[in-house]
Amino acid sequence: MTEQEQSAEPAGEKIRLPGDSLQPVLVAVGLSLLLIGVLGLWPLSVIGVLIMGAAIYGWVRDAVREHRELPSGNDH
């Protein structure tokens, strides 16, 4: 191989994976508390809704920020 072939980037797009996140776990915990609270423990429902709302808000905020950081050629 020539020097130019060795230094060239491989063809195709780079694969980008999202980072680790606790938001899915927090949404699941909030939903679980909400459903348990429906059985008669309404304070758990309130706590579950608050946890779920905060987690979903953070999840969407992170997704929007990651989307804005993508190179401009990837806007679909």
PDB file of N, CA and C in Angstrom:
ATOM      1  N   MET A   1       0.826  -1.184   0.000  1.00  0.00           N
ATOM      2  CA  MET A   1       0.000   0.000   0.000  1.00  0.00           C
ATOM      3  C   MET A   1       0.866   1.242   0.000  1.00  0.00           C
ATOM      4  N   THR A   2       0.382   2.232  -0.680  1.00  0.00           N
ATOM      5  CA  THR A   2       1.112   3.490  -0.684  1.00  0.00           C
ATOM      6  C   THR A   2       0.809   4.253   0.596  1.00  0.00           C
ATOM      7  N   GLU A   3       1.616   5.256   0.852  1.00  0.00           N
ATOM      8  CA  GLU A   3       1.431   6.067   2.057  1.00  0.00           C
ATOM      9  C   GLU A   3       0.071   6.776   2.036  1.00  0.00           C
ATOM     10  N   GLN A   4      -0.354   7.210   0.858  1.00  0.00           N
ATOM     11  CA  GLN A   4      -1.633   7.913   0.730  1.00  0.00           C
ATOM     12  C   GLN A   4      -2.795   6.968   1.060  1.00  0.00           C
ATOM     13  N   GLU A   5      -2.731   5.723   0.630  1.00  0.00           N
ATOM     14  CA  GLU A   5      -3.786   4.754   0.917  1.00  0.00           C
ATOM     15  C   GLU A   5      -3.851   4.423   2.398  1.00  0.00           C
ATOM     16  N   GLN A   6      -2.732   4.410   3.073  1.00  0.00           N
ATOM     17  CA  GLN A   6      -2.712   4.093   4.488  1.00  0.00           C
ATOM     18  C   GLN A   6      -3.283   5.221   5.336  1.00  0.00           C
ATOM     19  N   SER A   7      -3.120   6.471   4.896  1.00  0.00           N
ATOM     20  CA  SER A   7      -3.583   7.594   5.703  1.00  0.00           C
ATOM     21  C   SER A   7      -5.030   7.980   5.397  1.00  0.00           C
ATOM     22  N   ALA A   8      -5.627   7.417   4.356  1.00  0.00           N
ATOM     23  CA  ALA A   8      -7.009   7.764   3.996  1.00  0.00           C
ATOM     24  C   ALA A   8      -7.984   7.148   4.995  1.00  0.00           C
ATOM     25  N   GLU A   9      -9.074   7.892   5.269  1.00  0.00           N
ATOM     26  CA  GLU A   9     -10.112   7.373   6.158  1.00  0.00           C
ATOM     27  C   GLU A   9     -10.930   6.331   5.417  1.00  0.00           C
ATOM     28  N   PRO A  10     -11.463   5.353   6.138  1.00  0.00           N
ATOM     29  CA  PRO A  10     -12.289   4.348   5.474  1.00  0.00           C
ATOM     30  C   PRO A  10     -13.568   4.983   4.911  1.00  0.00           C
ATOM     31  N   ALA A  11     -14.087   4.381   3.846  1.00  0.00           N
ATOM     32  CA  ALA A  11     -15.299   4.903   3.210  1.00  0.00           C
ATOM     33  C   ALA A  11     -16.508   4.684   4.105  1.00  0.00           C
ATOM     34  N   GLY A  12     -17.519   5.533   3.944  1.00  0.00           N
ATOM     35  CA  GLY A  12     -18.758   5.383   4.705  1.00  0.00           C
ATOM     36  C   GLY A  12     -18.831   6.358   5.865  1.00  0.00           C
ATOM     37  N   GLU A  13     -19.958   6.288   6.558  1.00  0.00           N
ATOM     38  CA  GLU A  13     -20.175   7.179   7.694  1.00  0.00           C
ATOM     39  C   GLU A  13     -19.604   6.573   8.964  1.00  0.00           C
ATOM     40  N   LYS A  14     -19.245   7.450   9.879  1.00  0.00           N
ATOM     41  CA  LYS A  14     -18.818   6.978  11.185  1.00  0.00           C
ATOM     42  C   LYS A  14     -20.053   6.568  11.976  1.00  0.00           C
ATOM     43  N   ILE A  15     -19.927   5.512  12.733  1.00  0.00           N
ATOM     44  CA  ILE A  15     -21.035   5.054  13.565  1.00  0.00           C
ATOM     45  C   ILE A  15     -20.963   5.801  14.890  1.00  0.00           C
ATOM     46  N   ARG A  16     -22.060   6.419  15.263  1.00  0.00           N
ATOM     47  CA  ARG A  16     -22.118   7.183  16.493  1.00  0.00           C
ATOM     48  C   ARG A  16     -23.141   6.557  17.429  1.00  0.00           C
ATOM     49  N   LEU A  17     -22.699   6.172  18.603  1.00  0.00           N
ATOM     50  CA  LEU A  17     -23.590   5.599  19.601  1.00  0.00           C
ATOM     51  C   LEU A  17     -23.797   6.600  20.731  1.00  0.00           C
ATOM     52  N   PRO A  18     -25.002   6.651  21.284  1.00  0.00           N
ATOM     53  CA  PRO A  18     -25.230   7.559  22.401  1.00  0.00           C
ATOM     54  C   PRO A  18     -24.474   7.081  23.647  1.00  0.00           C
ATOM     55  N   GLY A  19     -24.176   8.015  24.521  1.00  0.00           N
ATOM     56  CA  GLY A  19     -23.478   7.669  25.747  1.00  0.00           C
ATOM     57  C   GLY A  19     -24.391   6.981  26.754  1.00  0.00           C
ATOM     58  N   ASP A  20     -23.809   6.547  27.837  1.00  0.00           N
ATOM     59  CA  ASP A  20     -24.589   5.920  28.899  1.00  0.00           C
ATOM     60  C   ASP A  20     -25.565   6.922  29.486  1.00  0.00           C
ATOM     61  N   SER A  21     -26.711   6.410  29.931  1.00  0.00           N
ATOM     62  CA  SER A  21     -27.733   7.292  30.455  1.00  0.00           C
ATOM     63  C   SER A  21     -28.572   6.572  31.498  1.00  0.00           C
ATOM     64  N   LEU A  22     -28.931   7.297  32.542  1.00  0.00           N
ATOM     65  CA  LEU A  22     -29.827   6.753  33.565  1.00  0.00           C
ATOM     66  C   LEU A  22     -31.285   7.098  33.293  1.00  0.00           C
ATOM     67  N   GLN A  23     -31.555   7.937  32.306  1.00  0.00           N
ATOM     68  CA  GLN A  23     -32.923   8.373  32.064  1.00  0.00           C
ATOM     69  C   GLN A  23     -33.895   7.218  31.802  1.00  0.00           C
ATOM     70  N   PRO A  24     -33.558   6.206  31.006  1.00  0.00           N
ATOM     71  CA  PRO A  24     -34.513   5.103  30.827  1.00  0.00           C
ATOM     72  C   PRO A  24     -34.849   4.384  32.134  1.00  0.00           C
ATOM     73  N   VAL A  25     -33.858   4.224  32.980  1.00  0.00           N
ATOM     74  CA  VAL A  25     -34.090   3.570  34.274  1.00  0.00           C
ATOM     75  C   VAL A  25     -34.989   4.440  35.147  1.00  0.00           C
ATOM     76  N   LEU A  26     -34.733   5.757  35.142  1.00  0.00           N
ATOM     77  CA  LEU A  26     -35.550   6.657  35.951  1.00  0.00           C
ATOM     78  C   LEU A  26     -36.997   6.715  35.450  1.00  0.00           C
ATOM     79  N   VAL A  27     -37.192   6.657  34.146  1.00  0.00           N
ATOM     80  CA  VAL A  27     -38.553   6.619  33.605  1.00  0.00           C
ATOM     81  C   VAL A  27     -39.256   5.348  34.081  1.00  0.00           C
ATOM     82  N   ALA A  28     -38.555   4.224  34.062  1.00  0.00           N
ATOM     83  CA  ALA A  28     -39.143   2.957  34.508  1.00  0.00           C
ATOM     84  C   ALA A  28     -39.475   3.001  35.997  1.00  0.00           C
ATOM     85  N   VAL A  29     -38.599   3.572  36.802  1.00  0.00           N
ATOM     86  CA  VAL A  29     -38.864   3.691  38.242  1.00  0.00           C
ATOM     87  C   VAL A  29     -40.066   4.609  38.485  1.00  0.00           C
ATOM     88  N   GLY A  30     -40.101   5.737  37.788  1.00  0.00           N
ATOM     89  CA  GLY A  30     -41.220   6.660  37.938  1.00  0.00           C
ATOM     90  C   GLY A  30     -42.530   6.029  37.529  1.00  0.00           C
ATOM     91  N   LEU A  31     -42.528   5.286  36.432  1.00  0.00           N
ATOM     92  CA  LEU A  31     -43.748   4.611  35.982  1.00  0.00           C
ATOM     93  C   LEU A  31     -44.177   3.545  36.982  1.00  0.00           C
ATOM     94  N   SER A  32     -43.222   2.823  37.538  1.00  0.00           N
ATOM     95  CA  SER A  32     -43.543   1.809  38.546  1.00  0.00           C
ATOM     96  C   SER A  32     -44.182   2.446  39.773  1.00  0.00           C
ATOM     97  N   LEU A  33     -43.612   3.552  40.244  1.00  0.00           N
ATOM     98  CA  LEU A  33     -44.194   4.243  41.394  1.00  0.00           C
ATOM     99  C   LEU A  33     -45.588   4.779  41.072  1.00  0.00           C
ATOM    100  N   LEU A  34     -45.751   5.281  39.869  1.00  0.00           N
ATOM    101  CA  LEU A  34     -47.056   5.779  39.452  1.00  0.00           C
ATOM    102  C   LEU A  34     -48.098   4.663  39.483  1.00  0.00           C
ATOM    103  N   LEU A  35     -47.749   3.503  38.947  1.00  0.00           N
ATOM    104  CA  LEU A  35     -48.694   2.392  38.914  1.00  0.00           C
ATOM    105  C   LEU A  35     -48.974   1.826  40.302  1.00  0.00           C
ATOM    106  N   ILE A  36     -47.974   1.785  41.157  1.00  0.00           N
ATOM    107  CA  ILE A  36     -48.193   1.342  42.533  1.00  0.00           C
ATOM    108  C   ILE A  36     -49.105   2.328  43.248  1.00  0.00           C
ATOM    109  N   GLY A  37     -48.895   3.622  42.999  1.00  0.00           N
ATOM    110  CA  GLY A  37     -49.716   4.647  43.631  1.00  0.00           C
ATOM    111  C   GLY A  37     -51.168   4.590  43.218  1.00  0.00           C
ATOM    112  N   VAL A  38     -51.442   4.095  42.011  1.00  0.00           N
ATOM    113  CA  VAL A  38     -52.831   3.980  41.553  1.00  0.00           C
ATOM    114  C   VAL A  38     -53.606   2.996  42.426  1.00  0.00           C
ATOM    115  N   LEU A  39     -52.913   2.074  43.060  1.00  0.00           N
ATOM    116  CA  LEU A  39     -53.564   1.087  43.912  1.00  0.00           C
ATOM    117  C   LEU A  39     -54.025   1.668  45.243  1.00  0.00           C
ATOM    118  N   GLY A  40     -53.781   2.922  45.489  1.00  0.00           N
ATOM    119  CA  GLY A  40     -54.279   3.526  46.710  1.00  0.00           C
ATOM    120  C   GLY A  40     -53.264   4.358  47.460  1.00  0.00           C
ATOM    121  N   LEU A  41     -52.043   4.336  47.045  1.00  0.00           N
ATOM    122  CA  LEU A  41     -51.001   5.125  47.698  1.00  0.00           C
ATOM    123  C   LEU A  41     -50.687   6.330  46.820  1.00  0.00           C
ATOM    124  N   TRP A  42     -51.615   7.285  46.789  1.00  0.00           N
ATOM    125  CA  TRP A  42     -51.488   8.407  45.848  1.00  0.00           C
ATOM    126  C   TRP A  42     -50.212   9.221  45.996  1.00  0.00           C
ATOM    127  N   PRO A  43     -49.602   9.332  47.192  1.00  0.00           N
ATOM    128  CA  PRO A  43     -48.333  10.072  47.239  1.00  0.00           C
ATOM    129  C   PRO A  43     -47.238   9.436  46.367  1.00  0.00           C
ATOM    130  N   LEU A  44     -47.273   8.110  46.239  1.00  0.00           N
ATOM    131  CA  LEU A  44     -46.301   7.453  45.361  1.00  0.00           C
ATOM    132  C   LEU A  44     -46.551   7.819  43.902  1.00  0.00           C
ATOM    133  N   SER A  45     -47.825   7.994  43.549  1.00  0.00           N
ATOM    134  CA  SER A  45     -48.143   8.419  42.185  1.00  0.00           C
ATOM    135  C   SER A  45     -47.558   9.789  41.886  1.00  0.00           C
ATOM    136  N   VAL A  46     -47.671  10.698  42.844  1.00  0.00           N
ATOM    137  CA  VAL A  46     -47.145  12.048  42.661  1.00  0.00           C
ATOM    138  C   VAL A  46     -45.621  12.001  42.501  1.00  0.00           C
ATOM    139  N   ILE A  47     -44.966  11.237  43.357  1.00  0.00           N
ATOM    140  CA  ILE A  47     -43.510  11.104  43.269  1.00  0.00           C
ATOM    141  C   ILE A  47     -43.119  10.465  41.939  1.00  0.00           C
ATOM    142  N   GLY A  48     -43.861   9.443  41.517  1.00  0.00           N
ATOM    143  CA  GLY A  48     -43.582   8.779  40.256  1.00  0.00           C
ATOM    144  C   GLY A  48     -43.723   9.707  39.061  1.00  0.00           C
ATOM    145  N   VAL A  49     -44.769  10.538  39.073  1.00  0.00           N
ATOM    146  CA  VAL A  49     -44.964  11.490  37.977  1.00  0.00           C
ATOM    147  C   VAL A  49     -43.826  12.503  37.948  1.00  0.00           C
ATOM    148  N   LEU A  50     -43.396  12.969  39.102  1.00  0.00           N
ATOM    149  CA  LEU A  50     -42.295  13.940  39.155  1.00  0.00           C
ATOM    150  C   LEU A  50     -40.993  13.335  38.638  1.00  0.00           C
ATOM    151  N   ILE A  51     -40.694  12.115  39.059  1.00  0.00           N
ATOM    152  CA  ILE A  51     -39.472  11.446  38.611  1.00  0.00           C
ATOM    153  C   ILE A  51     -39.533  11.208  37.103  1.00  0.00           C
ATOM    154  N   MET A  52     -40.679  10.707  36.645  1.00  0.00           N
ATOM    155  CA  MET A  52     -40.828  10.430  35.230  1.00  0.00           C
ATOM    156  C   MET A  52     -40.725  11.701  34.388  1.00  0.00           C
ATOM    157  N   GLY A  53     -41.379  12.756  34.836  1.00  0.00           N
ATOM    158  CA  GLY A  53     -41.332  14.019  34.094  1.00  0.00           C
ATOM    159  C   GLY A  53     -39.924  14.578  33.998  1.00  0.00           C
ATOM    160  N   ALA A  54     -39.192  14.553  35.111  1.00  0.00           N
ATOM    161  CA  ALA A  54     -37.823  15.063  35.111  1.00  0.00           C
ATOM    162  C   ALA A  54     -36.920  14.219  34.216  1.00  0.00           C
ATOM    163  N   ALA A  55     -37.101  12.899  34.260  1.00  0.00           N
ATOM    164  CA  ALA A  55     -36.270  12.008  33.442  1.00  0.00           C
ATOM    165  C   ALA A  55     -36.555  12.190  31.954  1.00  0.00           C
ATOM    166  N   ILE A  56     -37.829  12.312  31.593  1.00  0.00           N
ATOM    167  CA  ILE A  56     -38.176  12.504  30.183  1.00  0.00           C
ATOM    168  C   ILE A  56     -37.657  13.850  29.698  1.00  0.00           C
ATOM    169  N   TYR A  57     -37.796  14.883  30.516  1.00  0.00           N
ATOM    170  CA  TYR A  57     -37.280  16.209  30.150  1.00  0.00           C
ATOM    171  C   TYR A  57     -35.765  16.141  29.894  1.00  0.00           C
ATOM    172  N   GLY A  58     -35.028  15.498  30.802  1.00  0.00           N
ATOM    173  CA  GLY A  58     -33.578  15.374  30.645  1.00  0.00           C
ATOM    174  C   GLY A  58     -33.201  14.547  29.433  1.00  0.00           C
ATOM    175  N   TRP A  59     -33.956  13.508  29.165  1.00  0.00           N
ATOM    176  CA  TRP A  59     -33.695  12.631  28.036  1.00  0.00           C
ATOM    177  C   TRP A  59     -33.871  13.389  26.717  1.00  0.00           C
ATOM    178  N   VAL A  60     -34.959  14.136  26.612  1.00  0.00           N
ATOM    179  CA  VAL A  60     -35.212  14.914  25.395  1.00  0.00           C
ATOM    180  C   VAL A  60     -34.166  16.015  25.241  1.00  0.00           C
ATOM    181  N   ARG A  61     -33.829  16.688  26.344  1.00  0.00           N
ATOM    182  CA  ARG A  61     -32.820  17.750  26.302  1.00  0.00           C
ATOM    183  C   ARG A  61     -31.482  17.203  25.805  1.00  0.00           C
ATOM    184  N   ASP A  62     -31.077  16.047  26.307  1.00  0.00           N
ATOM    185  CA  ASP A  62     -29.818  15.434  25.877  1.00  0.00           C
ATOM    186  C   ASP A  62     -29.865  15.026  24.410  1.00  0.00           C
ATOM    187  N   ALA A  63     -30.999  14.497  23.964  1.00  0.00           N
ATOM    188  CA  ALA A  63     -31.126  14.077  22.564  1.00  0.00           C
ATOM    189  C   ALA A  63     -31.049  15.280  21.623  1.00  0.00           C
ATOM    190  N   VAL A  64     -31.676  16.375  21.998  1.00  0.00           N
ATOM    191  CA  VAL A  64     -31.629  17.585  21.167  1.00  0.00           C
ATOM    192  C   VAL A  64     -30.206  18.126  21.106  1.00  0.00           C
ATOM    193  N   ARG A  65     -29.526  18.145  22.248  1.00  0.00           N
ATOM    194  CA  ARG A  65     -28.143  18.639  22.271  1.00  0.00           C
ATOM    195  C   ARG A  65     -27.235  17.760  21.414  1.00  0.00           C
ATOM    196  N   GLU A  66     -27.388  16.427  21.510  1.00  0.00           N
ATOM    197  CA  GLU A  66     -26.576  15.529  20.702  1.00  0.00           C
ATOM    198  C   GLU A  66     -26.872  15.711  19.220  1.00  0.00           C
ATOM    199  N   HIS A  67     -28.126  15.940  18.872  1.00  0.00           N
ATOM    200  CA  HIS A  67     -28.491  16.153  17.472  1.00  0.00           C
ATOM    201  C   HIS A  67     -27.847  17.429  16.939  1.00  0.00           C
ATOM    202  N   ARG A  68     -27.817  18.472  17.750  1.00  0.00           N
ATOM    203  CA  ARG A  68     -27.212  19.739  17.320  1.00  0.00           C
ATOM    204  C   ARG A  68     -25.705  19.626  17.155  1.00  0.00           C
ATOM    205  N   GLU A  69     -25.066  18.682  17.841  1.00  0.00           N
ATOM    206  CA  GLU A  69     -23.619  18.500  17.744  1.00  0.00           C
ATOM    207  C   GLU A  69     -23.198  17.684  16.535  1.00  0.00           C
ATOM    208  N   LEU A  70     -24.158  17.082  15.816  1.00  0.00           N
ATOM    209  CA  LEU A  70     -23.826  16.295  14.638  1.00  0.00           C
ATOM    210  C   LEU A  70     -23.311  17.219  13.539  1.00  0.00           C
ATOM    211  N   PRO A  71     -22.454  16.690  12.657  1.00  0.00           N
ATOM    212  CA  PRO A  71     -21.995  17.504  11.524  1.00  0.00           C
ATOM    213  C   PRO A  71     -23.176  17.931  10.660  1.00  0.00           C
ATOM    214  N   SER A  72     -23.051  19.089  10.011  1.00  0.00           N
ATOM    215  CA  SER A  72     -24.168  19.650   9.270  1.00  0.00           C
ATOM    216  C   SER A  72     -24.598  18.774   8.100  1.00  0.00           C
ATOM    217  N   GLY A  73     -23.772  17.915   7.592  1.00  0.00           N
ATOM    218  CA  GLY A  73     -24.127  17.043   6.485  1.00  0.00           C
ATOM    219  C   GLY A  73     -25.115  15.966   6.857  1.00  0.00           C
ATOM    220  N   ASN A  74     -25.361  15.747   8.149  1.00  0.00           N
ATOM    221  CA  ASN A  74     -26.258  14.688   8.583  1.00  0.00           C
ATOM    222  C   ASN A  74     -27.659  15.182   8.903  1.00  0.00           C
ATOM    223  N   ASP A  75     -27.993  16.420   8.570  1.00  0.00           N
ATOM    224  CA  ASP A  75     -29.350  16.920   8.824  1.00  0.00           C
ATOM    225  C   ASP A  75     -30.301  16.277   7.829  1.00  0.00           C
ATOM    226  N   HIS A  76     -31.270  15.563   8.354  1.00  0.00           N
ATOM    227  CA  HIS A  76     -32.247  14.892   7.468  1.00  0.00           C
ATOM    228  C   HIS A  76     -33.582  15.527   7.655  1.00  0.00           C
TER     229      HIS A  76
END
